Amino acid sequence: MQQNKLIKGESVSEIWQQIKADFTADEALTDYHVVINQDGKDIQLDINIDYGGGFEGGYELTTLTSIIHDTPFRFAIHPQNFLYEIGKLFGIQDVTIGYPDFDKKVVVKTNDEEEVKALFADKSIRETYQDMDDYVLSVTENEYNQVILELEIQRGITDAAELQQLYTSFYKMLDLLDAHALV
């Protein structure tokens, strides 16, 4: 079983100093696993890059995952693509949250429209996800029946600045989900 490194910090900049040091130390970053603890919240960051070889195709994957409070709220978003456009012809519907630039680029599925609208009211969160490709962001259950917030991106992100932007947006969303649990 792989051991994850633990990074603790009070702020994103404090955490990112430690992550940048890891990225600088490992120029061929292909397998990176860390648990980030910020303000009592644990977020697991995994980067897996396999270039393949011979006849094998490679793969790339970056995920951010955090266990959240038990809630019936669920959602999933991903970028619109050609297959989704075909699905709309057959009646597949998504939620429109009221921001035209976001709504035309992203598919949103949820069991609570008002909750998902509240999460994406933050412009910086919307802008992070509306222009990204090949990802799924969701609140769902894992194999242990824990409710999780998860961002899965189909590429290995090794640019520290880009990863920091994604982490910041993910953390804001995690904070918003916690705040809504207290209401």
C-alpha atoms as a PDB file:
ATOM      1  CA  MET A   1       0.000   0.000   0.000  1.00  0.00           C
ATOM      2  CA  GLN A   2       1.328   3.389  -0.990  1.00  0.00           C
ATOM      3  CA  GLN A   3       2.043   5.949   1.732  1.00  0.00           C
ATOM      4  CA  ASN A   4       0.799   9.473   1.027  1.00  0.00           C
ATOM      5  CA  LYS A   5       2.841  12.464   2.048  1.00  0.00           C
ATOM      6  CA  LEU A   6       1.054  14.916   4.375  1.00  0.00           C
ATOM      7  CA  ILE A   7       1.257  18.655   3.752  1.00  0.00           C
ATOM      8  CA  LYS A   8      -0.239  21.003   6.343  1.00  0.00           C
ATOM      9  CA  GLY A   9      -0.782  24.722   6.092  1.00  0.00           C
ATOM     10  CA  GLU A  10      -3.024  27.566   7.135  1.00  0.00           C
ATOM     11  CA  SER A  11      -3.211  29.125   3.669  1.00  0.00           C
ATOM     12  CA  VAL A  12      -2.998  28.166   0.020  1.00  0.00           C
ATOM     13  CA  SER A  13       0.311  30.018  -0.357  1.00  0.00           C
ATOM     14  CA  GLU A  14       1.850  28.143   2.600  1.00  0.00           C
ATOM     15  CA  ILE A  15       0.724  24.811   1.164  1.00  0.00           C
ATOM     16  CA  TRP A  16       1.850  25.703  -2.322  1.00  0.00           C
ATOM     17  CA  GLN A  17       5.382  26.509  -1.203  1.00  0.00           C
ATOM     18  CA  GLN A  18       5.670  22.874  -0.102  1.00  0.00           C
ATOM     19  CA  ILE A  19       4.115  21.488  -3.292  1.00  0.00           C
ATOM     20  CA  LYS A  20       6.321  23.666  -5.517  1.00  0.00           C
ATOM     21  CA  ALA A  21       9.346  22.293  -3.653  1.00  0.00           C
ATOM     22  CA  ASP A  22       8.174  18.746  -4.474  1.00  0.00           C
ATOM     23  CA  PHE A  23       7.685  19.684  -8.124  1.00  0.00           C
ATOM     24  CA  THR A  24      11.130  21.285  -8.319  1.00  0.00           C
ATOM     25  CA  ALA A  25      12.793  18.271  -6.685  1.00  0.00           C
ATOM     26  CA  ASP A  26      11.172  15.766  -9.075  1.00  0.00           C
ATOM     27  CA  GLU A  27      11.580  16.908 -12.675  1.00  0.00           C
ATOM     28  CA  ALA A  28      10.015  13.717 -14.100  1.00  0.00           C
ATOM     29  CA  LEU A  29       6.898  13.954 -11.942  1.00  0.00           C
ATOM     30  CA  THR A  30       4.741  10.993 -12.971  1.00  0.00           C
ATOM     31  CA  ASP A  31       3.419   9.571  -9.704  1.00  0.00           C
ATOM     32  CA  TYR A  32       2.575  12.121  -6.998  1.00  0.00           C
ATOM     33  CA  HIS A  33       0.282  11.488  -4.038  1.00  0.00           C
ATOM     34  CA  VAL A  34      -0.229  13.884  -1.155  1.00  0.00           C
ATOM     35  CA  VAL A  35      -2.855  14.629   1.488  1.00  0.00           C
ATOM     36  CA  ILE A  36      -3.230  18.366   2.013  1.00  0.00           C
ATOM     37  CA  ASN A  37      -4.594  19.504   5.368  1.00  0.00           C
ATOM     38  CA  GLN A  38      -5.821  23.083   5.341  1.00  0.00           C
ATOM     39  CA  ASP A  39      -8.010  24.432   8.153  1.00  0.00           C
ATOM     40  CA  GLY A  40      -8.912  20.912   9.275  1.00  0.00           C
ATOM     41  CA  LYS A  41     -10.014  19.812   5.798  1.00  0.00           C
ATOM     42  CA  ASP A  42      -8.155  16.943   4.128  1.00  0.00           C
ATOM     43  CA  ILE A  43      -7.827  16.983   0.354  1.00  0.00           C
ATOM     44  CA  GLN A  44      -6.078  14.170  -1.459  1.00  0.00           C
ATOM     45  CA  LEU A  45      -4.135  15.176  -4.563  1.00  0.00           C
ATOM     46  CA  ASP A  46      -3.081  12.407  -6.955  1.00  0.00           C
ATOM     47  CA  ILE A  47      -1.191  12.815 -10.211  1.00  0.00           C
ATOM     48  CA  ASN A  48      -0.608   9.688 -12.299  1.00  0.00           C
ATOM     49  CA  ILE A  49       1.158   9.767 -15.651  1.00  0.00           C
ATOM     50  CA  ASP A  50       2.041   6.617 -17.557  1.00  0.00           C
ATOM     51  CA  TYR A  51       3.545   7.255 -20.971  1.00  0.00           C
ATOM     52  CA  GLY A  52       2.987   3.665 -22.058  1.00  0.00           C
ATOM     53  CA  GLY A  53       5.450   1.878 -24.223  1.00  0.00           C
ATOM     54  CA  GLY A  54       5.539  -0.351 -27.219  1.00  0.00           C
ATOM     55  CA  PHE A  55       1.973  -1.016 -28.286  1.00  0.00           C
ATOM     56  CA  GLU A  56       0.521   0.231 -25.003  1.00  0.00           C
ATOM     57  CA  GLY A  57      -1.163   3.571 -24.869  1.00  0.00           C
ATOM     58  CA  GLY A  58      -0.426   5.743 -21.899  1.00  0.00           C
ATOM     59  CA  TYR A  59      -2.744   7.613 -19.607  1.00  0.00           C
ATOM     60  CA  GLU A  60      -2.755  10.742 -17.504  1.00  0.00           C
ATOM     61  CA  LEU A  61      -4.958  11.549 -14.536  1.00  0.00           C
ATOM     62  CA  THR A  62      -5.080  14.260 -11.879  1.00  0.00           C
ATOM     63  CA  THR A  63      -7.608  14.034  -9.038  1.00  0.00           C
ATOM     64  CA  LEU A  64      -8.540  16.127  -6.040  1.00  0.00           C
ATOM     65  CA  THR A  65     -10.768  14.329  -3.513  1.00  0.00           C
ATOM     66  CA  SER A  66     -12.195  15.253  -0.133  1.00  0.00           C
ATOM     67  CA  ILE A  67     -14.693  13.560   2.161  1.00  0.00           C
ATOM     68  CA  ILE A  68     -17.492  15.964   3.020  1.00  0.00           C
ATOM     69  CA  HIS A  69     -20.405  15.931   5.459  1.00  0.00           C
ATOM     70  CA  ASP A  70     -23.219  13.440   4.913  1.00  0.00           C
ATOM     71  CA  THR A  71     -25.710  15.088   2.606  1.00  0.00           C
ATOM     72  CA  PRO A  72     -28.305  13.956   0.080  1.00  0.00           C
ATOM     73  CA  PHE A  73     -27.070  16.681  -2.312  1.00  0.00           C
ATOM     74  CA  ARG A  74     -25.431  15.337  -5.463  1.00  0.00           C
ATOM     75  CA  PHE A  75     -24.167  16.947  -8.620  1.00  0.00           C
ATOM     76  CA  ALA A  76     -21.821  16.325 -11.514  1.00  0.00           C
ATOM     77  CA  ILE A  77     -20.482  18.733 -14.101  1.00  0.00           C
ATOM     78  CA  HIS A  78     -18.375  18.175 -17.173  1.00  0.00           C
ATOM     79  CA  PRO A  79     -17.668  20.068 -20.390  1.00  0.00           C
ATOM     80  CA  GLN A  80     -20.176  19.802 -23.209  1.00  0.00           C
ATOM     81  CA  ASN A  81     -18.972  17.752 -26.129  1.00  0.00           C
ATOM     82  CA  PHE A  82     -20.227  16.268 -29.363  1.00  0.00           C
ATOM     83  CA  LEU A  83     -21.752  13.175 -27.702  1.00  0.00           C
ATOM     84  CA  TYR A  84     -23.666  15.351 -25.267  1.00  0.00           C
ATOM     85  CA  GLU A  85     -25.047  17.435 -28.138  1.00  0.00           C
ATOM     86  CA  ILE A  86     -26.388  14.221 -29.714  1.00  0.00           C
ATOM     87  CA  GLY A  87     -27.896  13.238 -26.351  1.00  0.00           C
ATOM     88  CA  LYS A  88     -29.828  16.504 -26.203  1.00  0.00           C
ATOM     89  CA  LEU A  89     -31.584  15.460 -29.409  1.00  0.00           C
ATOM     90  CA  PHE A  90     -32.876  12.436 -27.478  1.00  0.00           C
ATOM     91  CA  GLY A  91     -34.100  14.443 -24.504  1.00  0.00           C
ATOM     92  CA  ILE A  92     -31.131  14.448 -22.133  1.00  0.00           C
ATOM     93  CA  GLN A  93     -31.479  17.571 -19.987  1.00  0.00           C
ATOM     94  CA  ASP A  94     -29.070  19.467 -17.836  1.00  0.00           C
ATOM     95  CA  VAL A  95     -29.562  22.230 -15.294  1.00  0.00           C
ATOM     96  CA  THR A  96     -29.108  25.826 -16.390  1.00  0.00           C
ATOM     97  CA  ILE A  97     -27.690  27.871 -13.550  1.00  0.00           C
ATOM     98  CA  GLY A  98     -28.151  31.322 -15.073  1.00  0.00           C
ATOM     99  CA  TYR A  99     -24.678  32.280 -16.296  1.00  0.00           C
ATOM    100  CA  PRO A 100     -24.735  32.087 -20.127  1.00  0.00           C
ATOM    101  CA  ASP A 101     -20.970  31.595 -20.671  1.00  0.00           C
ATOM    102  CA  PHE A 102     -20.941  28.767 -18.132  1.00  0.00           C
ATOM    103  CA  ASP A 103     -24.251  27.198 -19.197  1.00  0.00           C
ATOM    104  CA  LYS A 104     -23.276  26.914 -22.878  1.00  0.00           C
ATOM    105  CA  LYS A 105     -19.953  25.184 -22.107  1.00  0.00           C
ATOM    106  CA  VAL A 106     -20.759  22.929 -19.146  1.00  0.00           C
ATOM    107  CA  VAL A 107     -23.241  20.129 -18.476  1.00  0.00           C
ATOM    108  CA  VAL A 108     -24.672  20.205 -14.942  1.00  0.00           C
ATOM    109  CA  LYS A 109     -26.644  17.320 -13.451  1.00  0.00           C
ATOM    110  CA  THR A 110     -28.008  17.601  -9.909  1.00  0.00           C
ATOM    111  CA  ASN A 111     -30.755  16.626  -7.520  1.00  0.00           C
ATOM    112  CA  ASP A 112     -30.901  20.171  -6.049  1.00  0.00           C
ATOM    113  CA  GLU A 113     -30.842  23.059  -8.526  1.00  0.00           C
ATOM    114  CA  GLU A 114     -30.758  25.773  -5.856  1.00  0.00           C
ATOM    115  CA  GLU A 115     -27.760  24.237  -4.081  1.00  0.00           C
ATOM    116  CA  VAL A 116     -25.753  23.889  -7.282  1.00  0.00           C
ATOM    117  CA  LYS A 117     -26.619  27.462  -8.276  1.00  0.00           C
ATOM    118  CA  ALA A 118     -25.305  28.654  -4.901  1.00  0.00           C
ATOM    119  CA  LEU A 119     -22.030  26.734  -5.402  1.00  0.00           C
ATOM    120  CA  PHE A 120     -21.426  28.269  -8.816  1.00  0.00           C
ATOM    121  CA  ALA A 121     -22.451  31.804  -7.865  1.00  0.00           C
ATOM    122  CA  ASP A 122     -18.734  32.459  -7.239  1.00  0.00           C
ATOM    123  CA  LYS A 123     -17.344  33.788 -10.523  1.00  0.00           C
ATOM    124  CA  SER A 124     -13.838  32.391  -9.934  1.00  0.00           C
ATOM    125  CA  ILE A 125     -15.250  28.876  -9.455  1.00  0.00           C
ATOM    126  CA  ARG A 126     -17.359  29.120 -12.619  1.00  0.00           C
ATOM    127  CA  GLU A 127     -14.470  30.445 -14.698  1.00  0.00           C
ATOM    128  CA  THR A 128     -12.172  27.652 -13.540  1.00  0.00           C
ATOM    129  CA  TYR A 129     -14.485  24.948 -14.868  1.00  0.00           C
ATOM    130  CA  GLN A 130     -16.151  26.584 -17.876  1.00  0.00           C
ATOM    131  CA  ASP A 131     -13.002  26.622 -20.002  1.00  0.00           C
ATOM    132  CA  MET A 132     -11.470  23.302 -18.930  1.00  0.00           C
ATOM    133  CA  ASP A 133     -11.526  20.124 -21.021  1.00  0.00           C
ATOM    134  CA  ASP A 134     -11.769  16.446 -20.074  1.00  0.00           C
ATOM    135  CA  TYR A 135     -12.871  16.566 -16.449  1.00  0.00           C
ATOM    136  CA  VAL A 136     -15.695  15.617 -14.121  1.00  0.00           C
ATOM    137  CA  LEU A 137     -16.415  17.501 -10.903  1.00  0.00           C
ATOM    138  CA  SER A 138     -18.935  15.817  -8.622  1.00  0.00           C
ATOM    139  CA  VAL A 139     -20.416  15.266  -5.211  1.00  0.00           C
ATOM    140  CA  THR A 140     -21.057  11.542  -4.994  1.00  0.00           C
ATOM    141  CA  GLU A 141     -20.438   8.502  -2.793  1.00  0.00           C
ATOM    142  CA  ASN A 142     -17.228   6.517  -2.813  1.00  0.00           C
ATOM    143  CA  GLU A 143     -16.909   2.744  -2.382  1.00  0.00           C
ATOM    144  CA  TYR A 144     -17.028   3.196   1.425  1.00  0.00           C
ATOM    145  CA  ASN A 145     -20.392   5.037   1.268  1.00  0.00           C
ATOM    146  CA  GLN A 146     -18.721   8.327   2.188  1.00  0.00           C
ATOM    147  CA  VAL A 147     -19.917  11.496   0.468  1.00  0.00           C
ATOM    148  CA  ILE A 148     -17.032  13.056  -1.441  1.00  0.00           C
ATOM    149  CA  LEU A 149     -16.253  16.082  -3.540  1.00  0.00           C
ATOM    150  CA  GLU A 150     -14.059  14.935  -6.414  1.00  0.00           C
ATOM    151  CA  LEU A 151     -12.413  16.577  -9.391  1.00  0.00           C
ATOM    152  CA  GLU A 152     -11.031  14.132 -11.958  1.00  0.00           C
ATOM    153  CA  ILE A 153      -9.054  15.548 -14.876  1.00  0.00           C
ATOM    154  CA  GLN A 154      -7.958  13.349 -17.768  1.00  0.00           C
ATOM    155  CA  ARG A 155      -4.435  14.735 -17.934  1.00  0.00           C
ATOM    156  CA  GLY A 156      -1.467  14.853 -15.628  1.00  0.00           C
ATOM    157  CA  ILE A 157      -1.129  18.418 -14.430  1.00  0.00           C
ATOM    158  CA  THR A 158       2.480  19.143 -13.511  1.00  0.00           C
ATOM    159  CA  ASP A 159       2.344  22.912 -13.911  1.00  0.00           C
ATOM    160  CA  ALA A 160       2.314  24.162 -10.311  1.00  0.00           C
ATOM    161  CA  ALA A 161       0.487  27.425 -11.152  1.00  0.00           C
ATOM    162  CA  GLU A 162      -2.336  25.647 -12.984  1.00  0.00           C
ATOM    163  CA  LEU A 163      -2.633  23.072 -10.227  1.00  0.00           C
ATOM    164  CA  GLN A 164      -2.746  25.820  -7.602  1.00  0.00           C
ATOM    165  CA  GLN A 165      -5.637  27.508  -9.422  1.00  0.00           C
ATOM    166  CA  LEU A 166      -7.551  24.207  -9.529  1.00  0.00           C
ATOM    167  CA  TYR A 167      -6.816  23.511  -5.866  1.00  0.00           C
ATOM    168  CA  THR A 168      -7.951  27.021  -4.858  1.00  0.00           C
ATOM    169  CA  SER A 169     -11.251  26.617  -6.705  1.00  0.00           C
ATOM    170  CA  PHE A 170     -11.745  23.116  -5.274  1.00  0.00           C
ATOM    171  CA  TYR A 171     -11.033  24.366  -1.752  1.00  0.00           C
ATOM    172  CA  LYS A 172     -13.514  27.262  -2.157  1.00  0.00           C
ATOM    173  CA  MET A 173     -16.175  24.780  -3.230  1.00  0.00           C
ATOM    174  CA  LEU A 174     -15.361  22.526  -0.274  1.00  0.00           C
ATOM    175  CA  ASP A 175     -15.707  25.525   2.040  1.00  0.00           C
ATOM    176  CA  LEU A 176     -19.074  26.436   0.478  1.00  0.00           C
ATOM    177  CA  LEU A 177     -20.349  22.868   0.895  1.00  0.00           C
ATOM    178  CA  ASP A 178     -19.351  22.952   4.567  1.00  0.00           C
ATOM    179  CA  ALA A 179     -21.036  26.341   5.050  1.00  0.00           C
ATOM    180  CA  HIS A 180     -24.278  25.049   3.523  1.00  0.00           C
ATOM    181  CA  ALA A 181     -24.202  22.036   5.848  1.00  0.00           C
ATOM    182  CA  LEU A 182     -24.339  24.399   8.819  1.00  0.00           C
ATOM    183  CA  VAL A 183     -27.456  26.215   7.559  1.00  0.00           C
END
